Amino acid sequence: MAEIITDKTMDEIEILAKLHLTDEEKEKSREEMQRMLDYVDMLNSLDTDGVEPLTHIFPVENVFREDEVEESTQRDDLLKNAPEEKDGQLLVPKTIG
């Protein structure tokens, strides 16, 4: 059985989380947290021997194509489209003053 959440524990949680709860809110929160702990305790009691760890529900496959070395466009052909060019590079206006 999971550890019982006491009023003292709730007070500590309230301080750490910087919450200001009414008595009714504290009780409701305590009950919800207790249900969570009970559920985790139930999960811990399950027999998982022989069950492989799972990182993804579906198989993970690489969907990217393989890298292929291809002939690149020649610099001179690219610079033909440039409005201005200097020493084999694009010439652009100065952007930093």
PDB file of N, CA and C in Angstrom:
ATOM      1  N   MET A   1       0.847  -1.184   0.000  1.00  0.00           N
ATOM      2  CA  MET A   1       0.000   0.000   0.000  1.00  0.00           C
ATOM      3  C   MET A   1       0.895   1.251   0.000  1.00  0.00           C
ATOM      4  N   ALA A   2       0.470   2.251  -0.724  1.00  0.00           N
ATOM      5  CA  ALA A   2       1.222   3.495  -0.818  1.00  0.00           C
ATOM      6  C   ALA A   2       1.190   4.230   0.513  1.00  0.00           C
ATOM      7  N   GLU A   3       2.208   5.044   0.713  1.00  0.00           N
ATOM      8  CA  GLU A   3       2.287   5.850   1.923  1.00  0.00           C
ATOM      9  C   GLU A   3       1.079   6.784   2.001  1.00  0.00           C
ATOM     10  N   ILE A   4       0.547   6.940   3.192  1.00  0.00           N
ATOM     11  CA  ILE A   4      -0.612   7.798   3.409  1.00  0.00           C
ATOM     12  C   ILE A   4      -0.149   9.257   3.465  1.00  0.00           C
ATOM     13  N   ILE A   5      -0.849  10.112   2.729  1.00  0.00           N
ATOM     14  CA  ILE A   5      -0.530  11.537   2.743  1.00  0.00           C
ATOM     15  C   ILE A   5      -1.224  12.164   3.952  1.00  0.00           C
ATOM     16  N   THR A   6      -0.423  12.683   4.847  1.00  0.00           N
ATOM     17  CA  THR A   6      -0.950  13.260   6.081  1.00  0.00           C
ATOM     18  C   THR A   6      -1.176  14.758   5.921  1.00  0.00           C
ATOM     19  N   ASP A   7      -1.804  15.353   6.945  1.00  0.00           N
ATOM     20  CA  ASP A   7      -1.999  16.806   6.945  1.00  0.00           C
ATOM     21  C   ASP A   7      -0.651  17.529   6.973  1.00  0.00           C
ATOM     22  N   LYS A   8       0.312  16.952   7.687  1.00  0.00           N
ATOM     23  CA  LYS A   8       1.640  17.551   7.756  1.00  0.00           C
ATOM     24  C   LYS A   8       2.281  17.570   6.366  1.00  0.00           C
ATOM     25  N   THR A   9       2.146  16.455   5.628  1.00  0.00           N
ATOM     26  CA  THR A   9       2.676  16.383   4.273  1.00  0.00           C
ATOM     27  C   THR A   9       2.004  17.421   3.385  1.00  0.00           C
ATOM     28  N   MET A  10       0.700  17.557   3.523  1.00  0.00           N
ATOM     29  CA  MET A  10      -0.031  18.552   2.725  1.00  0.00           C
ATOM     30  C   MET A  10       0.439  19.963   3.051  1.00  0.00           C
ATOM     31  N   ASP A  11       0.712  20.239   4.318  1.00  0.00           N
ATOM     32  CA  ASP A  11       1.215  21.560   4.701  1.00  0.00           C
ATOM     33  C   ASP A  11       2.574  21.820   4.048  1.00  0.00           C
ATOM     34  N   GLU A  12       3.437  20.804   4.033  1.00  0.00           N
ATOM     35  CA  GLU A  12       4.754  20.952   3.419  1.00  0.00           C
ATOM     36  C   GLU A  12       4.635  21.166   1.907  1.00  0.00           C
ATOM     37  N   ILE A  13       3.752  20.428   1.266  1.00  0.00           N
ATOM     38  CA  ILE A  13       3.525  20.592  -0.176  1.00  0.00           C
ATOM     39  C   ILE A  13       3.008  21.994  -0.473  1.00  0.00           C
ATOM     40  N   GLU A  14       2.111  22.463   0.366  1.00  0.00           N
ATOM     41  CA  GLU A  14       1.537  23.799   0.186  1.00  0.00           C
ATOM     42  C   GLU A  14       2.631  24.865   0.269  1.00  0.00           C
ATOM     43  N   ILE A  15       3.547  24.694   1.208  1.00  0.00           N
ATOM     44  CA  ILE A  15       4.649  25.656   1.359  1.00  0.00           C
ATOM     45  C   ILE A  15       5.594  25.577   0.157  1.00  0.00           C
ATOM     46  N   LEU A  16       5.991  24.361  -0.207  1.00  0.00           N
ATOM     47  CA  LEU A  16       6.937  24.193  -1.314  1.00  0.00           C
ATOM     48  C   LEU A  16       6.361  24.682  -2.644  1.00  0.00           C
ATOM     49  N   ALA A  17       5.063  24.457  -2.862  1.00  0.00           N
ATOM     50  CA  ALA A  17       4.430  24.864  -4.112  1.00  0.00           C
ATOM     51  C   ALA A  17       3.928  26.303  -4.048  1.00  0.00           C
ATOM     52  N   LYS A  18       4.123  26.938  -2.898  1.00  0.00           N
ATOM     53  CA  LYS A  18       3.676  28.323  -2.696  1.00  0.00           C
ATOM     54  C   LYS A  18       2.188  28.472  -3.011  1.00  0.00           C
ATOM     55  N   LEU A  19       1.419  27.544  -2.432  1.00  0.00           N
ATOM     56  CA  LEU A  19      -0.031  27.553  -2.608  1.00  0.00           C
ATOM     57  C   LEU A  19      -0.694  28.024  -1.326  1.00  0.00           C
ATOM     58  N   HIS A  20      -1.856  28.581  -1.472  1.00  0.00           N
ATOM     59  CA  HIS A  20      -2.679  28.947  -0.322  1.00  0.00           C
ATOM     60  C   HIS A  20      -4.029  28.276  -0.539  1.00  0.00           C
ATOM     61  N   LEU A  21      -4.201  27.110   0.090  1.00  0.00           N
ATOM     62  CA  LEU A  21      -5.395  26.309  -0.110  1.00  0.00           C
ATOM     63  C   LEU A  21      -6.329  26.410   1.086  1.00  0.00           C
ATOM     64  N   THR A  22      -7.609  26.377   0.782  1.00  0.00           N
ATOM     65  CA  THR A  22      -8.598  26.300   1.856  1.00  0.00           C
ATOM     66  C   THR A  22      -8.579  24.864   2.382  1.00  0.00           C
ATOM     67  N   ASP A  23      -9.231  24.634   3.514  1.00  0.00           N
ATOM     68  CA  ASP A  23      -9.293  23.284   4.077  1.00  0.00           C
ATOM     69  C   ASP A  23      -9.949  22.315   3.091  1.00  0.00           C
ATOM     70  N   GLU A  24     -10.973  22.795   2.402  1.00  0.00           N
ATOM     71  CA  GLU A  24     -11.674  21.955   1.424  1.00  0.00           C
ATOM     72  C   GLU A  24     -10.751  21.611   0.245  1.00  0.00           C
ATOM     73  N   GLU A  25      -9.996  22.599  -0.239  1.00  0.00           N
ATOM     74  CA  GLU A  25      -9.063  22.361  -1.338  1.00  0.00           C
ATOM     75  C   GLU A  25      -7.936  21.419  -0.907  1.00  0.00           C
ATOM     76  N   LYS A  26      -7.476  21.571   0.339  1.00  0.00           N
ATOM     77  CA  LYS A  26      -6.427  20.679   0.849  1.00  0.00           C
ATOM     78  C   LYS A  26      -6.904  19.235   0.868  1.00  0.00           C
ATOM     79  N   GLU A  27      -8.124  19.045   1.334  1.00  0.00           N
ATOM     80  CA  GLU A  27      -8.665  17.694   1.441  1.00  0.00           C
ATOM     81  C   GLU A  27      -8.843  17.074   0.054  1.00  0.00           C
ATOM     82  N   LYS A  28      -9.373  17.852  -0.873  1.00  0.00           N
ATOM     83  CA  LYS A  28      -9.567  17.348  -2.235  1.00  0.00           C
ATOM     84  C   LYS A  28      -8.212  17.016  -2.871  1.00  0.00           C
ATOM     85  N   SER A  29      -7.227  17.888  -2.700  1.00  0.00           N
ATOM     86  CA  SER A  29      -5.892  17.652  -3.253  1.00  0.00           C
ATOM     87  C   SER A  29      -5.248  16.432  -2.614  1.00  0.00           C
ATOM     88  N   ARG A  30      -5.414  16.283  -1.294  1.00  0.00           N
ATOM     89  CA  ARG A  30      -4.852  15.133  -0.598  1.00  0.00           C
ATOM     90  C   ARG A  30      -5.443  13.837  -1.149  1.00  0.00           C
ATOM     91  N   GLU A  31      -6.765  13.823  -1.358  1.00  0.00           N
ATOM     92  CA  GLU A  31      -7.419  12.624  -1.897  1.00  0.00           C
ATOM     93  C   GLU A  31      -6.929  12.302  -3.309  1.00  0.00           C
ATOM     94  N   GLU A  32      -6.784  13.342  -4.139  1.00  0.00           N
ATOM     95  CA  GLU A  32      -6.309  13.122  -5.514  1.00  0.00           C
ATOM     96  C   GLU A  32      -4.870  12.611  -5.520  1.00  0.00           C
ATOM     97  N   MET A  33      -4.014  13.191  -4.678  1.00  0.00           N
ATOM     98  CA  MET A  33      -2.624  12.737  -4.603  1.00  0.00           C
ATOM     99  C   MET A  33      -2.552  11.311  -4.071  1.00  0.00           C
ATOM    100  N   GLN A  34      -3.404  10.991  -3.117  1.00  0.00           N
ATOM    101  CA  GLN A  34      -3.429   9.635  -2.568  1.00  0.00           C
ATOM    102  C   GLN A  34      -3.826   8.635  -3.643  1.00  0.00           C
ATOM    103  N   ARG A  35      -4.815   9.005  -4.483  1.00  0.00           N
ATOM    104  CA  ARG A  35      -5.219   8.116  -5.580  1.00  0.00           C
ATOM    105  C   ARG A  35      -4.062   7.915  -6.556  1.00  0.00           C
ATOM    106  N   MET A  36      -3.299   8.983  -6.833  1.00  0.00           N
ATOM    107  CA  MET A  36      -2.147   8.858  -7.733  1.00  0.00           C
ATOM    108  C   MET A  36      -1.099   7.911  -7.145  1.00  0.00           C
ATOM    109  N   LEU A  37      -0.797   8.085  -5.863  1.00  0.00           N
ATOM    110  CA  LEU A  37       0.186   7.209  -5.223  1.00  0.00           C
ATOM    111  C   LEU A  37      -0.281   5.758  -5.194  1.00  0.00           C
ATOM    112  N   ASP A  38      -1.565   5.554  -4.938  1.00  0.00           N
ATOM    113  CA  ASP A  38      -2.110   4.197  -4.938  1.00  0.00           C
ATOM    114  C   ASP A  38      -1.996   3.575  -6.323  1.00  0.00           C
ATOM    115  N   TYR A  39      -2.227   4.372  -7.361  1.00  0.00           N
ATOM    116  CA  TYR A  39      -2.125   3.874  -8.729  1.00  0.00           C
ATOM    117  C   TYR A  39      -0.679   3.495  -9.057  1.00  0.00           C
ATOM    118  N   VAL A  40       0.263   4.340  -8.679  1.00  0.00           N
ATOM    119  CA  VAL A  40       1.677   4.032  -8.909  1.00  0.00           C
ATOM    120  C   VAL A  40       2.064   2.779  -8.130  1.00  0.00           C
ATOM    121  N   ASP A  41       1.567   2.650  -6.920  1.00  0.00           N
ATOM    122  CA  ASP A  41       1.842   1.466  -6.115  1.00  0.00           C
ATOM    123  C   ASP A  41       1.296   0.214  -6.800  1.00  0.00           C
ATOM    124  N   MET A  42       0.103   0.329  -7.389  1.00  0.00           N
ATOM    125  CA  MET A  42      -0.486  -0.794  -8.109  1.00  0.00           C
ATOM    126  C   MET A  42       0.371  -1.139  -9.328  1.00  0.00           C
ATOM    127  N   LEU A  43       0.858  -0.125 -10.047  1.00  0.00           N
ATOM    128  CA  LEU A  43       1.725  -0.381 -11.205  1.00  0.00           C
ATOM    129  C   LEU A  43       3.021  -1.056 -10.788  1.00  0.00           C
ATOM    130  N   ASN A  44       3.568  -0.648  -9.643  1.00  0.00           N
ATOM    131  CA  ASN A  44       4.806  -1.253  -9.151  1.00  0.00           C
ATOM    132  C   ASN A  44       4.622  -2.719  -8.785  1.00  0.00           C
ATOM    133  N   SER A  45       3.402  -3.116  -8.476  1.00  0.00           N
ATOM    134  CA  SER A  45       3.164  -4.503  -8.072  1.00  0.00           C
ATOM    135  C   SER A  45       2.985  -5.434  -9.270  1.00  0.00           C
ATOM    136  N   LEU A  46       2.877  -4.890 -10.482  1.00  0.00           N
ATOM    137  CA  LEU A  46       2.692  -5.730 -11.663  1.00  0.00           C
ATOM    138  C   LEU A  46       3.962  -6.521 -11.981  1.00  0.00           C
ATOM    139  N   ASP A  47       3.763  -7.740 -12.476  1.00  0.00           N
ATOM    140  CA  ASP A  47       4.878  -8.584 -12.873  1.00  0.00           C
ATOM    141  C   ASP A  47       5.318  -8.178 -14.274  1.00  0.00           C
ATOM    142  N   THR A  48       6.501  -7.605 -14.390  1.00  0.00           N
ATOM    143  CA  THR A  48       7.007  -7.153 -15.693  1.00  0.00           C
ATOM    144  C   THR A  48       8.208  -7.975 -16.140  1.00  0.00           C
ATOM    145  N   ASP A  49       8.411  -9.126 -15.535  1.00  0.00           N
ATOM    146  CA  ASP A  49       9.512  -9.993 -15.951  1.00  0.00           C
ATOM    147  C   ASP A  49       9.288 -10.420 -17.401  1.00  0.00           C
ATOM    148  N   GLY A  50      10.333 -10.299 -18.201  1.00  0.00           N
ATOM    149  CA  GLY A  50      10.245 -10.705 -19.599  1.00  0.00           C
ATOM    150  C   GLY A  50       9.650  -9.649 -20.517  1.00  0.00           C
ATOM    151  N   VAL A  51       9.284  -8.513 -19.964  1.00  0.00           N
ATOM    152  CA  VAL A  51       8.735  -7.440 -20.802  1.00  0.00           C
ATOM    153  C   VAL A  51       9.881  -6.525 -21.202  1.00  0.00           C
ATOM    154  N   GLU A  52      10.060  -6.365 -22.518  1.00  0.00           N
ATOM    155  CA  GLU A  52      11.138  -5.522 -23.021  1.00  0.00           C
ATOM    156  C   GLU A  52      10.813  -4.049 -22.782  1.00  0.00           C
ATOM    157  N   PRO A  53      11.815  -3.255 -22.420  1.00  0.00           N
ATOM    158  CA  PRO A  53      11.583  -1.817 -22.269  1.00  0.00           C
ATOM    159  C   PRO A  53      11.141  -1.216 -23.604  1.00  0.00           C
ATOM    160  N   LEU A  54      10.276  -0.213 -23.526  1.00  0.00           N
ATOM    161  CA  LEU A  54       9.722   0.396 -24.723  1.00  0.00           C
ATOM    162  C   LEU A  54      10.024   1.882 -24.722  1.00  0.00           C
ATOM    163  N   THR A  55      10.622   2.368 -25.813  1.00  0.00           N
ATOM    164  CA  THR A  55      10.884   3.799 -25.914  1.00  0.00           C
ATOM    165  C   THR A  55       9.859   4.489 -26.801  1.00  0.00           C
ATOM    166  N   HIS A  56       9.325   3.754 -27.796  1.00  0.00           N
ATOM    167  CA  HIS A  56       8.314   4.299 -28.702  1.00  0.00           C
ATOM    168  C   HIS A  56       7.244   3.237 -28.931  1.00  0.00           C
ATOM    169  N   ILE A  57       6.036   3.679 -29.154  1.00  0.00           N
ATOM    170  CA  ILE A  57       4.958   2.734 -29.434  1.00  0.00           C
ATOM    171  C   ILE A  57       5.154   2.114 -30.814  1.00  0.00           C
ATOM    172  N   PHE A  58       5.536   2.939 -31.775  1.00  0.00           N
ATOM    173  CA  PHE A  58       5.725   2.472 -33.145  1.00  0.00           C
ATOM    174  C   PHE A  58       7.214   2.327 -33.432  1.00  0.00           C
ATOM    175  N   PRO A  59       7.578   1.447 -34.373  1.00  0.00           N
ATOM    176  CA  PRO A  59       8.994   1.315 -34.703  1.00  0.00           C
ATOM    177  C   PRO A  59       9.535   2.625 -35.276  1.00  0.00           C
ATOM    178  N   VAL A  60      10.735   2.971 -34.877  1.00  0.00           N
ATOM    179  CA  VAL A  60      11.350   4.207 -35.345  1.00  0.00           C
ATOM    180  C   VAL A  60      12.249   3.869 -36.524  1.00  0.00           C
ATOM    181  N   GLU A  61      11.984   4.535 -37.636  1.00  0.00           N
ATOM    182  CA  GLU A  61      12.784   4.311 -38.827  1.00  0.00           C
ATOM    183  C   GLU A  61      13.259   5.652 -39.358  1.00  0.00           C
ATOM    184  N   ASN A  62      14.427   5.646 -39.967  1.00  0.00           N
ATOM    185  CA  ASN A  62      14.949   6.854 -40.584  1.00  0.00           C
ATOM    186  C   ASN A  62      14.190   7.087 -41.889  1.00  0.00           C
ATOM    187  N   VAL A  63      13.495   8.210 -41.985  1.00  0.00           N
ATOM    188  CA  VAL A  63      12.714   8.498 -43.185  1.00  0.00           C
ATOM    189  C   VAL A  63      13.452   9.410 -44.150  1.00  0.00           C
ATOM    190  N   PHE A  64      14.674   9.773 -43.817  1.00  0.00           N
ATOM    191  CA  PHE A  64      15.454  10.646 -44.673  1.00  0.00           C
ATOM    192  C   PHE A  64      16.195   9.820 -45.720  1.00  0.00           C
ATOM    193  N   ARG A  65      16.442  10.433 -46.839  1.00  0.00           N
ATOM    194  CA  ARG A  65      17.174   9.742 -47.903  1.00  0.00           C
ATOM    195  C   ARG A  65      18.651   9.675 -47.549  1.00  0.00           C
ATOM    196  N   GLU A  66      19.345   8.800 -48.202  1.00  0.00           N
ATOM    197  CA  GLU A  66      20.785   8.694 -48.018  1.00  0.00           C
ATOM    198  C   GLU A  66      21.458   9.909 -48.660  1.00  0.00           C
ATOM    199  N   ASP A  67      22.552  10.343 -48.065  1.00  0.00           N
ATOM    200  CA  ASP A  67      23.322  11.431 -48.652  1.00  0.00           C
ATOM    201  C   ASP A  67      24.028  10.927 -49.909  1.00  0.00           C
ATOM    202  N   GLU A  68      23.905  11.713 -50.968  1.00  0.00           N
ATOM    203  CA  GLU A  68      24.570  11.361 -52.208  1.00  0.00           C
ATOM    204  C   GLU A  68      25.403  12.548 -52.670  1.00  0.00           C
ATOM    205  N   VAL A  69      26.637  12.288 -53.034  1.00  0.00           N
ATOM    206  CA  VAL A  69      27.515  13.343 -53.525  1.00  0.00           C
ATOM    207  C   VAL A  69      27.138  13.606 -54.973  1.00  0.00           C
ATOM    208  N   GLU A  70      26.823  14.872 -55.270  1.00  0.00           N
ATOM    209  CA  GLU A  70      26.461  15.260 -56.624  1.00  0.00           C
ATOM    210  C   GLU A  70      27.310  16.450 -57.049  1.00  0.00           C
ATOM    211  N   GLU A  71      27.357  16.675 -58.319  1.00  0.00           N
ATOM    212  CA  GLU A  71      28.060  17.825 -58.863  1.00  0.00           C
ATOM    213  C   GLU A  71      27.288  19.079 -58.460  1.00  0.00           C
ATOM    214  N   SER A  72      27.983  20.043 -57.880  1.00  0.00           N
ATOM    215  CA  SER A  72      27.302  21.271 -57.469  1.00  0.00           C
ATOM    216  C   SER A  72      27.345  22.290 -58.599  1.00  0.00           C
ATOM    217  N   THR A  73      26.502  23.303 -58.466  1.00  0.00           N
ATOM    218  CA  THR A  73      26.463  24.371 -59.452  1.00  0.00           C
ATOM    219  C   THR A  73      27.753  25.179 -59.367  1.00  0.00           C
ATOM    220  N   GLN A  74      28.294  25.537 -60.480  1.00  0.00           N
ATOM    221  CA  GLN A  74      29.530  26.297 -60.520  1.00  0.00           C
ATOM    222  C   GLN A  74      29.303  27.729 -60.030  1.00  0.00           C
ATOM    223  N   ARG A  75      30.282  28.258 -59.319  1.00  0.00           N
ATOM    224  CA  ARG A  75      30.180  29.592 -58.745  1.00  0.00           C
ATOM    225  C   ARG A  75      29.907  30.643 -59.828  1.00  0.00           C
ATOM    226  N   ASP A  76      30.586  30.548 -60.934  1.00  0.00           N
ATOM    227  CA  ASP A  76      30.399  31.542 -61.993  1.00  0.00           C
ATOM    228  C   ASP A  76      28.964  31.544 -62.511  1.00  0.00           C
ATOM    229  N   ASP A  77      28.351  30.367 -62.609  1.00  0.00           N
ATOM    230  CA  ASP A  77      26.952  30.297 -63.060  1.00  0.00           C
ATOM    231  C   ASP A  77      26.025  30.944 -62.040  1.00  0.00           C
ATOM    232  N   LEU A  78      26.300  30.753 -60.749  1.00  0.00           N
ATOM    233  CA  LEU A  78      25.466  31.366 -59.707  1.00  0.00           C
ATOM    234  C   LEU A  78      25.628  32.889 -59.701  1.00  0.00           C
ATOM    235  N   LEU A  79      26.829  33.359 -59.888  1.00  0.00           N
ATOM    236  CA  LEU A  79      27.074  34.797 -59.838  1.00  0.00           C
ATOM    237  C   LEU A  79      26.455  35.539 -61.021  1.00  0.00           C
ATOM    238  N   LYS A  80      26.111  34.821 -62.091  1.00  0.00           N
ATOM    239  CA  LYS A  80      25.433  35.454 -63.229  1.00  0.00           C
ATOM    240  C   LYS A  80      24.084  36.030 -62.808  1.00  0.00           C
ATOM    241  N   ASN A  81      23.452  35.450 -61.775  1.00  0.00           N
ATOM    242  CA  ASN A  81      22.143  35.910 -61.298  1.00  0.00           C
ATOM    243  C   ASN A  81      22.266  37.023 -60.260  1.00  0.00           C
ATOM    244  N   ALA A  82      23.444  37.280 -59.778  1.00  0.00           N
ATOM    245  CA  ALA A  82      23.633  38.283 -58.724  1.00  0.00           C
ATOM    246  C   ALA A  82      23.545  39.694 -59.299  1.00  0.00           C
ATOM    247  N   PRO A  83      22.893  40.621 -58.569  1.00  0.00           N
ATOM    248  CA  PRO A  83      22.844  41.997 -59.050  1.00  0.00           C
ATOM    249  C   PRO A  83      24.240  42.616 -59.116  1.00  0.00           C
ATOM    250  N   GLU A  84      25.083  42.296 -58.120  1.00  0.00           N
ATOM    251  CA  GLU A  84      26.464  42.790 -58.129  1.00  0.00           C
ATOM    252  C   GLU A  84      27.387  41.708 -57.589  1.00  0.00           C
ATOM    253  N   GLU A  85      28.639  41.741 -58.061  1.00  0.00           N
ATOM    254  CA  GLU A  85      29.608  40.725 -57.684  1.00  0.00           C
ATOM    255  C   GLU A  85      30.985  41.380 -57.605  1.00  0.00           C
ATOM    256  N   LYS A  86      31.803  40.900 -56.631  1.00  0.00           N
ATOM    257  CA  LYS A  86      33.152  41.443 -56.494  1.00  0.00           C
ATOM    258  C   LYS A  86      34.066  40.311 -56.038  1.00  0.00           C
ATOM    259  N   ASP A  87      35.119  40.089 -56.741  1.00  0.00           N
ATOM    260  CA  ASP A  87      36.113  39.062 -56.417  1.00  0.00           C
ATOM    261  C   ASP A  87      35.485  37.680 -56.241  1.00  0.00           C
ATOM    262  N   GLY A  88      34.508  37.344 -57.070  1.00  0.00           N
ATOM    263  CA  GLY A  88      33.892  36.020 -57.013  1.00  0.00           C
ATOM    264  C   GLY A  88      32.905  35.835 -55.876  1.00  0.00           C
ATOM    265  N   GLN A  89      32.441  36.937 -55.260  1.00  0.00           N
ATOM    266  CA  GLN A  89      31.477  36.855 -54.159  1.00  0.00           C
ATOM    267  C   GLN A  89      30.325  37.811 -54.415  1.00  0.00           C
ATOM    268  N   LEU A  90      29.192  37.552 -53.774  1.00  0.00           N
ATOM    269  CA  LEU A  90      28.057  38.460 -53.882  1.00  0.00           C
ATOM    270  C   LEU A  90      28.403  39.770 -53.200  1.00  0.00           C
ATOM    271  N   LEU A  91      28.020  40.868 -53.814  1.00  0.00           N
ATOM    272  CA  LEU A  91      28.242  42.184 -53.225  1.00  0.00           C
ATOM    273  C   LEU A  91      26.884  42.696 -52.757  1.00  0.00           C
ATOM    274  N   VAL A  92      26.764  42.932 -51.454  1.00  0.00           N
ATOM    275  CA  VAL A  92      25.490  43.377 -50.877  1.00  0.00           C
ATOM    276  C   VAL A  92      25.706  44.684 -50.144  1.00  0.00           C
ATOM    277  N   PRO A  93      24.606  45.446 -49.928  1.00  0.00           N
ATOM    278  CA  PRO A  93      24.756  46.693 -49.182  1.00  0.00           C
ATOM    279  C   PRO A  93      25.156  46.423 -47.729  1.00  0.00           C
ATOM    280  N   LYS A  94      25.875  47.356 -47.159  1.00  0.00           N
ATOM    281  CA  LYS A  94      26.294  47.261 -45.766  1.00  0.00           C
ATOM    282  C   LYS A  94      25.039  47.342 -44.882  1.00  0.00           C
ATOM    283  N   THR A  95      24.923  46.431 -43.908  1.00  0.00           N
ATOM    284  CA  THR A  95      23.729  46.412 -43.059  1.00  0.00           C
ATOM    285  C   THR A  95      24.007  46.859 -41.635  1.00  0.00           C
ATOM    286  N   ILE A  96      25.262  46.908 -41.226  1.00  0.00           N
ATOM    287  CA  ILE A  96      25.609  47.341 -39.870  1.00  0.00           C
ATOM    288  C   ILE A  96      26.332  48.658 -39.988  1.00  0.00           C
ATOM    289  N   GLY A  97      25.874  49.654 -39.194  1.00  0.00           N
ATOM    290  CA  GLY A  97      26.430  50.998 -39.304  1.00  0.00           C
ATOM    291  C   GLY A  97      27.656  51.249 -38.535  1.00  0.00           C
TER     292      GLY A  97
END
